[in-house]
Amino acid sequence: MKKALKILTILFISLLVSCGGKEEKKKEKFSYEKTAPTEQTVTKIESVPASKRIDLTSKGIGPIKELVLPAEIDQTMATHGEDVYKKMCTACHRPDKKFIGPAPSGILERRTPEWVMNMILNPDEMVQKDLLAKELLIEFNGSPMANQGLTQEDARAVLEYFRTLK
């Protein structure tokens, strides 16, 4: 009986030893030291958000196909545009800072007048079909621009007001 017990003990120990031997993977420890980048490091491509991107070619989708702005700002029209903007747009836009929607300050340095007018007059279709408007929708957390039902004259006045914002 003692002999059988010794044989079983030896078999059990050899079984344990044979099952072991796997190499443990060392966990990477946190370190404040900077390491040199390796070849496997993926470089991050910086992209410009849609609200900052410059696109002076797209005219957007809507009723405005061509619009030439005079060199001089029409102050009467700009004043009317400021009134319309304050009544209809300030719930989502601030003139000089990002809010629920983008700031219109300097918009004509980034977009064509036609695109701006079409976005004001036809925001629903612009968000569905215009690539830049779709990207703006994503950038501003899916908050679509509401169609305020402005006339072309009011939208043009708002655009003239935007020209005064620097």
N, C-alpha and C. Protein backbone atom coordinates (compact mmCIF):
# COMPACT_ATOMS: atom_id res chain seq x y z
N MET A 1 0.82 -1.18 0.00
CA MET A 1 0.00 0.00 0.00
C MET A 1 0.87 1.25 0.00
N LYS A 2 1.97 1.21 0.80
CA LYS A 2 2.86 2.36 0.83
C LYS A 2 3.50 2.54 -0.52
N LYS A 3 3.77 1.46 -1.21
CA LYS A 3 4.40 1.54 -2.52
C LYS A 3 3.44 2.19 -3.52
N ALA A 4 2.19 1.84 -3.46
CA ALA A 4 1.20 2.41 -4.36
C ALA A 4 1.02 3.90 -4.08
N LEU A 5 1.06 4.28 -2.80
CA LEU A 5 0.92 5.67 -2.41
C LEU A 5 2.11 6.49 -2.93
N LYS A 6 3.32 5.91 -2.86
CA LYS A 6 4.51 6.60 -3.36
C LYS A 6 4.42 6.78 -4.87
N ILE A 7 3.95 5.77 -5.58
CA ILE A 7 3.82 5.84 -7.05
C ILE A 7 2.79 6.91 -7.43
N LEU A 8 1.65 6.93 -6.73
CA LEU A 8 0.63 7.94 -7.02
C LEU A 8 1.15 9.35 -6.73
N THR A 9 1.92 9.51 -5.65
CA THR A 9 2.48 10.81 -5.31
C THR A 9 3.46 11.25 -6.40
N ILE A 10 4.31 10.33 -6.87
CA ILE A 10 5.27 10.67 -7.92
C ILE A 10 4.54 11.03 -9.22
N LEU A 11 3.51 10.27 -9.56
CA LEU A 11 2.73 10.58 -10.76
C LEU A 11 2.04 11.94 -10.64
N PHE A 12 1.49 12.22 -9.48
CA PHE A 12 0.81 13.49 -9.26
C PHE A 12 1.78 14.67 -9.38
N ILE A 13 2.96 14.54 -8.78
CA ILE A 13 3.98 15.60 -8.84
C ILE A 13 4.47 15.78 -10.27
N SER A 14 4.70 14.69 -10.98
CA SER A 14 5.16 14.80 -12.36
C SER A 14 4.07 15.42 -13.25
N LEU A 15 2.81 15.13 -12.95
CA LEU A 15 1.69 15.73 -13.68
C LEU A 15 1.67 17.25 -13.45
N LEU A 16 1.85 17.67 -12.22
CA LEU A 16 1.87 19.11 -11.91
C LEU A 16 3.05 19.81 -12.60
N VAL A 17 4.19 19.18 -12.59
CA VAL A 17 5.38 19.77 -13.20
C VAL A 17 5.21 19.86 -14.71
N SER A 18 4.64 18.84 -15.31
CA SER A 18 4.48 18.83 -16.77
C SER A 18 3.44 19.85 -17.23
N CYS A 19 2.45 20.16 -16.41
CA CYS A 19 1.43 21.15 -16.79
C CYS A 19 1.95 22.57 -16.64
N GLY A 20 2.94 22.77 -15.84
CA GLY A 20 3.50 24.11 -15.64
C GLY A 20 4.44 24.46 -16.77
N GLY A 21 5.29 25.38 -16.56
CA GLY A 21 6.31 25.72 -17.54
C GLY A 21 5.86 26.76 -18.55
N LYS A 22 4.63 27.25 -18.47
CA LYS A 22 4.21 28.30 -19.40
C LYS A 22 4.86 29.60 -18.98
N GLU A 23 5.28 30.37 -19.99
CA GLU A 23 5.90 31.65 -19.68
C GLU A 23 4.81 32.66 -19.35
N GLU A 24 5.02 33.39 -18.31
CA GLU A 24 4.07 34.44 -17.97
C GLU A 24 4.41 35.69 -18.77
N LYS A 25 3.38 36.29 -19.28
CA LYS A 25 3.60 37.55 -20.01
C LYS A 25 3.76 38.65 -18.98
N LYS A 26 4.79 39.40 -19.14
CA LYS A 26 5.04 40.49 -18.20
C LYS A 26 4.13 41.65 -18.55
N LYS A 27 3.49 42.16 -17.54
CA LYS A 27 2.63 43.32 -17.75
C LYS A 27 3.50 44.56 -17.80
N GLU A 28 3.12 45.45 -18.73
CA GLU A 28 3.86 46.69 -18.86
C GLU A 28 3.51 47.58 -17.69
N LYS A 29 4.51 48.05 -17.01
CA LYS A 29 4.28 48.90 -15.85
C LYS A 29 4.22 50.35 -16.29
N PHE A 30 3.48 51.16 -15.54
CA PHE A 30 3.37 52.58 -15.81
C PHE A 30 4.67 53.28 -15.46
N SER A 31 5.09 54.19 -16.31
CA SER A 31 6.32 54.89 -16.06
C SER A 31 6.17 56.34 -16.53
N TYR A 32 6.80 57.23 -15.81
CA TYR A 32 6.79 58.63 -16.20
C TYR A 32 7.84 58.94 -17.25
N GLU A 33 8.72 58.00 -17.48
CA GLU A 33 9.78 58.21 -18.44
C GLU A 33 9.21 58.15 -19.85
N LYS A 34 9.69 59.04 -20.69
CA LYS A 34 9.26 59.01 -22.08
C LYS A 34 10.05 57.96 -22.83
N THR A 35 9.36 57.24 -23.66
CA THR A 35 10.04 56.24 -24.47
C THR A 35 10.10 56.73 -25.90
N ALA A 36 11.10 56.29 -26.59
CA ALA A 36 11.24 56.68 -27.99
C ALA A 36 10.15 55.98 -28.80
N PRO A 37 9.57 56.69 -29.77
CA PRO A 37 8.54 56.05 -30.58
C PRO A 37 9.11 54.89 -31.38
N THR A 38 8.30 53.87 -31.52
CA THR A 38 8.73 52.71 -32.30
C THR A 38 8.13 52.80 -33.69
N GLU A 39 8.51 51.87 -34.51
CA GLU A 39 8.00 51.86 -35.88
C GLU A 39 6.51 51.57 -35.91
N GLN A 40 6.00 50.92 -34.86
CA GLN A 40 4.60 50.55 -34.84
C GLN A 40 3.70 51.69 -34.39
N THR A 41 4.27 52.80 -33.96
CA THR A 41 3.47 53.92 -33.51
C THR A 41 2.70 54.50 -34.70
N VAL A 42 1.41 54.67 -34.51
CA VAL A 42 0.57 55.22 -35.57
C VAL A 42 0.49 56.72 -35.36
N THR A 43 0.78 57.49 -36.39
CA THR A 43 0.71 58.93 -36.27
C THR A 43 -0.74 59.37 -36.46
N LYS A 44 -1.16 60.28 -35.61
CA LYS A 44 -2.52 60.78 -35.66
C LYS A 44 -2.60 61.92 -36.66
N ILE A 45 -3.52 61.83 -37.57
CA ILE A 45 -3.70 62.87 -38.58
C ILE A 45 -4.65 63.91 -37.99
N GLU A 46 -4.16 65.12 -37.93
CA GLU A 46 -5.00 66.18 -37.39
C GLU A 46 -5.96 66.65 -38.48
N SER A 47 -7.22 66.76 -38.11
CA SER A 47 -8.19 67.24 -39.07
C SER A 47 -8.80 68.53 -38.54
N VAL A 48 -9.15 69.39 -39.44
CA VAL A 48 -9.74 70.66 -39.09
C VAL A 48 -11.25 70.46 -38.94
N PRO A 49 -11.84 70.93 -37.84
CA PRO A 49 -13.29 70.77 -37.70
C PRO A 49 -14.02 71.53 -38.80
N ALA A 50 -15.21 71.07 -39.12
CA ALA A 50 -15.98 71.66 -40.21
C ALA A 50 -16.23 73.14 -40.00
N SER A 51 -16.41 73.57 -38.76
CA SER A 51 -16.69 74.98 -38.50
C SER A 51 -15.48 75.88 -38.77
N LYS A 52 -14.29 75.31 -38.79
CA LYS A 52 -13.07 76.09 -39.04
C LYS A 52 -12.54 75.90 -40.46
N ARG A 53 -13.02 74.87 -41.15
CA ARG A 53 -12.53 74.57 -42.49
C ARG A 53 -12.95 75.65 -43.48
N ILE A 54 -12.08 75.94 -44.42
CA ILE A 54 -12.35 76.94 -45.44
C ILE A 54 -12.78 76.24 -46.72
N ASP A 55 -13.95 76.62 -47.21
CA ASP A 55 -14.46 76.10 -48.49
C ASP A 55 -15.13 77.26 -49.20
N LEU A 56 -14.39 77.86 -50.12
CA LEU A 56 -14.91 79.01 -50.87
C LEU A 56 -15.32 78.63 -52.28
N THR A 57 -15.68 77.35 -52.47
CA THR A 57 -16.14 76.90 -53.78
C THR A 57 -17.59 76.43 -53.76
N SER A 58 -18.01 75.80 -52.69
CA SER A 58 -19.36 75.24 -52.62
C SER A 58 -20.40 76.34 -52.45
N LYS A 59 -21.48 76.23 -53.22
CA LYS A 59 -22.56 77.20 -53.13
C LYS A 59 -23.74 76.63 -52.34
N GLY A 60 -23.63 75.37 -51.95
CA GLY A 60 -24.71 74.77 -51.17
C GLY A 60 -25.87 74.36 -52.05
N ILE A 61 -26.96 73.98 -51.39
CA ILE A 61 -28.16 73.50 -52.09
C ILE A 61 -29.32 74.38 -51.66
N GLY A 62 -29.93 75.03 -52.62
CA GLY A 62 -31.06 75.90 -52.31
C GLY A 62 -31.33 76.89 -53.42
N PRO A 63 -32.11 77.89 -53.12
CA PRO A 63 -32.54 78.82 -54.17
C PRO A 63 -31.47 79.79 -54.64
N ILE A 64 -30.45 80.02 -53.87
CA ILE A 64 -29.43 81.02 -54.23
C ILE A 64 -28.33 80.35 -55.06
N LYS A 65 -28.26 80.72 -56.31
CA LYS A 65 -27.27 80.14 -57.23
C LYS A 65 -26.08 81.07 -57.45
N GLU A 66 -26.31 82.38 -57.40
CA GLU A 66 -25.25 83.35 -57.64
C GLU A 66 -25.55 84.59 -56.81
N LEU A 67 -24.52 85.10 -56.11
CA LEU A 67 -24.69 86.30 -55.30
C LEU A 67 -23.37 87.05 -55.29
N VAL A 68 -23.40 88.27 -55.77
CA VAL A 68 -22.21 89.11 -55.78
C VAL A 68 -22.42 90.19 -54.73
N LEU A 69 -21.50 90.25 -53.78
CA LEU A 69 -21.60 91.24 -52.71
C LEU A 69 -20.87 92.51 -53.13
N PRO A 70 -21.49 93.67 -52.90
CA PRO A 70 -20.80 94.92 -53.20
C PRO A 70 -19.63 95.13 -52.23
N ALA A 71 -18.69 95.96 -52.63
CA ALA A 71 -17.52 96.22 -51.79
C ALA A 71 -17.91 96.91 -50.48
N GLU A 72 -18.85 97.82 -50.55
CA GLU A 72 -19.28 98.57 -49.37
C GLU A 72 -20.44 97.84 -48.68
N ILE A 73 -20.40 97.85 -47.36
CA ILE A 73 -21.48 97.25 -46.57
C ILE A 73 -22.65 98.21 -46.52
N ASP A 74 -23.84 97.71 -46.79
CA ASP A 74 -25.07 98.49 -46.71
C ASP A 74 -25.49 98.52 -45.24
N GLN A 75 -25.26 99.66 -44.57
CA GLN A 75 -25.51 99.76 -43.14
C GLN A 75 -26.98 99.61 -42.78
N THR A 76 -27.87 100.11 -43.61
CA THR A 76 -29.30 99.97 -43.35
C THR A 76 -29.69 98.50 -43.38
N MET A 77 -29.21 97.80 -44.40
CA MET A 77 -29.51 96.36 -44.52
C MET A 77 -28.87 95.59 -43.36
N ALA A 78 -27.65 95.95 -42.98
CA ALA A 78 -26.95 95.28 -41.88
C ALA A 78 -27.69 95.48 -40.56
N THR A 79 -28.23 96.67 -40.34
CA THR A 79 -29.00 96.94 -39.12
C THR A 79 -30.26 96.09 -39.09
N HIS A 80 -30.94 96.00 -40.23
CA HIS A 80 -32.12 95.14 -40.33
C HIS A 80 -31.72 93.67 -40.09
N GLY A 81 -30.59 93.26 -40.65
CA GLY A 81 -30.10 91.90 -40.47
C GLY A 81 -29.76 91.61 -39.02
N GLU A 82 -29.22 92.60 -38.32
CA GLU A 82 -28.90 92.41 -36.90
C GLU A 82 -30.19 92.20 -36.10
N ASP A 83 -31.24 92.97 -36.43
CA ASP A 83 -32.53 92.79 -35.75
C ASP A 83 -33.09 91.39 -35.99
N VAL A 84 -33.04 90.94 -37.23
CA VAL A 84 -33.54 89.60 -37.57
C VAL A 84 -32.71 88.55 -36.84
N TYR A 85 -31.40 88.72 -36.85
CA TYR A 85 -30.50 87.77 -36.19
C TYR A 85 -30.81 87.68 -34.70
N LYS A 86 -30.99 88.84 -34.04
CA LYS A 86 -31.28 88.84 -32.61
C LYS A 86 -32.60 88.17 -32.29
N LYS A 87 -33.59 88.33 -33.16
CA LYS A 87 -34.91 87.73 -32.92
C LYS A 87 -34.94 86.24 -33.25
N MET A 88 -34.26 85.84 -34.31
CA MET A 88 -34.44 84.50 -34.84
C MET A 88 -33.26 83.54 -34.59
N CYS A 89 -32.08 84.05 -34.34
CA CYS A 89 -30.89 83.20 -34.37
C CYS A 89 -30.17 83.05 -33.04
N THR A 90 -30.38 83.98 -32.12
CA THR A 90 -29.57 83.98 -30.90
C THR A 90 -29.91 82.84 -29.93
N ALA A 91 -30.97 82.11 -30.18
CA ALA A 91 -31.25 80.94 -29.34
C ALA A 91 -30.15 79.89 -29.52
N CYS A 92 -29.53 79.85 -30.70
CA CYS A 92 -28.52 78.84 -31.00
C CYS A 92 -27.14 79.40 -31.37
N HIS A 93 -27.07 80.65 -31.77
CA HIS A 93 -25.81 81.23 -32.25
C HIS A 93 -25.42 82.46 -31.44
N ARG A 94 -24.13 82.60 -31.20
CA ARG A 94 -23.54 83.80 -30.62
C ARG A 94 -22.62 84.38 -31.69
N PRO A 95 -22.60 85.71 -31.84
CA PRO A 95 -21.83 86.29 -32.93
C PRO A 95 -20.36 85.88 -32.97
N ASP A 96 -19.73 85.78 -31.81
CA ASP A 96 -18.28 85.57 -31.82
C ASP A 96 -17.80 84.33 -31.10
N LYS A 97 -18.70 83.42 -30.70
CA LYS A 97 -18.24 82.20 -30.05
C LYS A 97 -19.17 81.04 -30.35
N LYS A 98 -18.61 79.86 -30.26
CA LYS A 98 -19.33 78.62 -30.50
C LYS A 98 -20.39 78.46 -29.40
N PHE A 99 -21.59 78.07 -29.79
CA PHE A 99 -22.67 77.85 -28.82
C PHE A 99 -23.34 76.56 -29.24
N ILE A 100 -24.63 76.54 -29.38
CA ILE A 100 -25.30 75.34 -29.90
C ILE A 100 -24.95 75.18 -31.37
N GLY A 101 -24.82 76.30 -32.07
CA GLY A 101 -24.39 76.32 -33.46
C GLY A 101 -23.11 77.13 -33.59
N PRO A 102 -22.51 77.14 -34.78
CA PRO A 102 -21.25 77.87 -34.98
C PRO A 102 -21.43 79.39 -34.92
N ALA A 103 -20.35 80.07 -34.62
CA ALA A 103 -20.35 81.54 -34.59
C ALA A 103 -20.28 82.07 -36.03
N PRO A 104 -21.10 83.06 -36.35
CA PRO A 104 -21.06 83.61 -37.72
C PRO A 104 -19.92 84.59 -37.96
N SER A 105 -19.20 84.97 -36.95
CA SER A 105 -18.10 85.91 -37.11
C SER A 105 -17.07 85.34 -38.09
N GLY A 106 -16.76 86.10 -39.12
CA GLY A 106 -15.78 85.68 -40.12
C GLY A 106 -16.26 84.58 -41.05
N ILE A 107 -17.55 84.33 -41.09
CA ILE A 107 -18.09 83.22 -41.91
C ILE A 107 -17.78 83.40 -43.39
N LEU A 108 -17.77 84.64 -43.86
CA LEU A 108 -17.53 84.86 -45.30
C LEU A 108 -16.06 84.70 -45.67
N GLU A 109 -15.21 84.48 -44.69
CA GLU A 109 -13.82 84.13 -44.97
C GLU A 109 -13.68 82.61 -45.14
N ARG A 110 -14.73 81.86 -44.72
CA ARG A 110 -14.69 80.40 -44.80
C ARG A 110 -15.71 79.81 -45.77
N ARG A 111 -16.80 80.56 -46.08
CA ARG A 111 -17.86 80.06 -46.94
C ARG A 111 -18.23 81.11 -47.99
N THR A 112 -18.83 80.62 -49.07
CA THR A 112 -19.33 81.53 -50.09
C THR A 112 -20.63 82.18 -49.60
N PRO A 113 -20.95 83.37 -50.09
CA PRO A 113 -22.22 84.00 -49.70
C PRO A 113 -23.42 83.13 -50.06
N GLU A 114 -23.33 82.45 -51.21
CA GLU A 114 -24.44 81.57 -51.63
C GLU A 114 -24.65 80.43 -50.63
N TRP A 115 -23.54 79.84 -50.16
CA TRP A 115 -23.65 78.73 -49.21
C TRP A 115 -24.33 79.21 -47.92
N VAL A 116 -23.91 80.38 -47.43
CA VAL A 116 -24.49 80.92 -46.19
C VAL A 116 -25.98 81.19 -46.38
N MET A 117 -26.34 81.82 -47.47
CA MET A 117 -27.76 82.10 -47.74
C MET A 117 -28.56 80.81 -47.86
N ASN A 118 -28.03 79.83 -48.58
CA ASN A 118 -28.75 78.56 -48.72
C ASN A 118 -28.89 77.84 -47.38
N MET A 119 -27.88 77.97 -46.52
CA MET A 119 -27.98 77.34 -45.19
C MET A 119 -29.06 78.03 -44.36
N ILE A 120 -29.19 79.33 -44.50
CA ILE A 120 -30.23 80.07 -43.77
C ILE A 120 -31.61 79.72 -44.32
N LEU A 121 -31.73 79.70 -45.64
CA LEU A 121 -33.03 79.51 -46.27
C LEU A 121 -33.46 78.05 -46.40
N ASN A 122 -32.51 77.14 -46.47
CA ASN A 122 -32.82 75.74 -46.79
C ASN A 122 -32.02 74.78 -45.91
N PRO A 123 -32.07 74.93 -44.58
CA PRO A 123 -31.20 74.11 -43.72
C PRO A 123 -31.53 72.62 -43.76
N ASP A 124 -32.80 72.27 -43.93
CA ASP A 124 -33.18 70.85 -43.92
C ASP A 124 -32.52 70.08 -45.07
N GLU A 125 -32.64 70.60 -46.28
CA GLU A 125 -32.05 69.93 -47.43
C GLU A 125 -30.52 70.02 -47.42
N MET A 126 -30.00 71.12 -46.92
CA MET A 126 -28.54 71.27 -46.83
C MET A 126 -27.95 70.18 -45.93
N VAL A 127 -28.58 69.93 -44.79
CA VAL A 127 -28.07 68.93 -43.86
C VAL A 127 -28.19 67.52 -44.44
N GLN A 128 -29.15 67.31 -45.31
CA GLN A 128 -29.32 66.00 -45.92
C GLN A 128 -28.36 65.76 -47.09
N LYS A 129 -28.07 66.81 -47.87
CA LYS A 129 -27.35 66.61 -49.13
C LYS A 129 -25.97 67.27 -49.23
N ASP A 130 -25.70 68.29 -48.43
CA ASP A 130 -24.43 69.01 -48.51
C ASP A 130 -23.45 68.41 -47.52
N LEU A 131 -22.30 67.97 -48.00
CA LEU A 131 -21.30 67.29 -47.17
C LEU A 131 -20.84 68.16 -46.00
N LEU A 132 -20.54 69.41 -46.25
CA LEU A 132 -20.07 70.31 -45.19
C LEU A 132 -21.16 70.52 -44.13
N ALA A 133 -22.40 70.69 -44.56
CA ALA A 133 -23.50 70.86 -43.60
C ALA A 133 -23.68 69.60 -42.76
N LYS A 134 -23.49 68.43 -43.37
CA LYS A 134 -23.57 67.17 -42.62
C LYS A 134 -22.47 67.10 -41.56
N GLU A 135 -21.26 67.52 -41.92
CA GLU A 135 -20.15 67.51 -40.98
C GLU A 135 -20.37 68.51 -39.84
N LEU A 136 -20.98 69.66 -40.15
CA LEU A 136 -21.31 70.63 -39.11
C LEU A 136 -22.34 70.04 -38.14
N LEU A 137 -23.31 69.32 -38.68
CA LEU A 137 -24.32 68.67 -37.84
C LEU A 137 -23.66 67.71 -36.86
N ILE A 138 -22.70 66.94 -37.34
CA ILE A 138 -21.98 66.00 -36.47
C ILE A 138 -21.15 66.77 -35.44
N GLU A 139 -20.45 67.81 -35.89
CA GLU A 139 -19.60 68.59 -34.99
C GLU A 139 -20.41 69.23 -33.86
N PHE A 140 -21.63 69.64 -34.16
CA PHE A 140 -22.46 70.30 -33.16
C PHE A 140 -23.49 69.34 -32.58
N ASN A 141 -23.03 68.11 -32.34
CA ASN A 141 -23.77 67.09 -31.60
C ASN A 141 -25.16 66.78 -32.14
N GLY A 142 -25.31 66.85 -33.44
CA GLY A 142 -26.58 66.47 -34.06
C GLY A 142 -27.68 67.50 -33.89
N SER A 143 -27.32 68.73 -33.54
CA SER A 143 -28.32 69.79 -33.40
C SER A 143 -28.53 70.45 -34.76
N PRO A 144 -29.62 70.09 -35.45
CA PRO A 144 -29.83 70.67 -36.78
C PRO A 144 -30.27 72.13 -36.69
N MET A 145 -29.92 72.89 -37.71
CA MET A 145 -30.35 74.28 -37.77
C MET A 145 -31.83 74.30 -38.10
N ALA A 146 -32.58 75.04 -37.32
CA ALA A 146 -34.03 75.14 -37.55
C ALA A 146 -34.30 76.05 -38.75
N ASN A 147 -35.30 75.67 -39.54
CA ASN A 147 -35.72 76.52 -40.64
C ASN A 147 -36.62 77.60 -40.05
N GLN A 148 -36.14 78.83 -40.06
CA GLN A 148 -36.88 79.95 -39.46
C GLN A 148 -37.89 80.55 -40.43
N GLY A 149 -37.91 80.07 -41.65
CA GLY A 149 -38.87 80.57 -42.63
C GLY A 149 -38.60 82.01 -43.05
N LEU A 150 -37.33 82.38 -43.08
CA LEU A 150 -36.98 83.74 -43.48
C LEU A 150 -37.18 83.94 -44.97
N THR A 151 -37.50 85.16 -45.35
CA THR A 151 -37.57 85.51 -46.77
C THR A 151 -36.14 85.69 -47.28
N GLN A 152 -35.99 85.71 -48.60
CA GLN A 152 -34.66 85.94 -49.18
C GLN A 152 -34.14 87.32 -48.77
N GLU A 153 -35.03 88.30 -48.66
CA GLU A 153 -34.61 89.65 -48.27
C GLU A 153 -34.07 89.65 -46.83
N ASP A 154 -34.77 88.94 -45.91
CA ASP A 154 -34.30 88.87 -44.53
C ASP A 154 -32.98 88.10 -44.44
N ALA A 155 -32.88 87.00 -45.18
CA ALA A 155 -31.65 86.22 -45.17
C ALA A 155 -30.49 87.04 -45.72
N ARG A 156 -30.75 87.82 -46.75
CA ARG A 156 -29.71 88.69 -47.32
C ARG A 156 -29.29 89.75 -46.32
N ALA A 157 -30.25 90.28 -45.56
CA ALA A 157 -29.95 91.27 -44.53
C ALA A 157 -29.09 90.65 -43.42
N VAL A 158 -29.40 89.41 -43.03
CA VAL A 158 -28.60 88.71 -42.03
C VAL A 158 -27.18 88.51 -42.55
N LEU A 159 -27.06 88.14 -43.81
CA LEU A 159 -25.73 87.99 -44.42
C LEU A 159 -24.97 89.31 -44.39
N GLU A 160 -25.65 90.40 -44.65
CA GLU A 160 -25.01 91.72 -44.61
C GLU A 160 -24.54 92.03 -43.18
N TYR A 161 -25.35 91.65 -42.19
CA TYR A 161 -24.94 91.81 -40.79
C TYR A 161 -23.69 90.98 -40.50
N PHE A 162 -23.64 89.76 -41.03
CA PHE A 162 -22.46 88.91 -40.83
C PHE A 162 -21.20 89.58 -41.36
N ARG A 163 -21.34 90.37 -42.43
CA ARG A 163 -20.18 91.07 -43.01
C ARG A 163 -19.61 92.09 -42.03
N THR A 164 -20.43 92.59 -41.09
CA THR A 164 -19.94 93.58 -40.13
C THR A 164 -19.22 92.93 -38.95
N LEU A 165 -19.39 91.62 -38.77
CA LEU A 165 -18.77 90.92 -37.64
C LEU A 165 -17.31 90.61 -37.97
N LYS A 166 -16.43 91.00 -37.13
CA LYS A 166 -15.00 90.71 -37.37
C LYS A 166 -14.43 89.94 -36.23
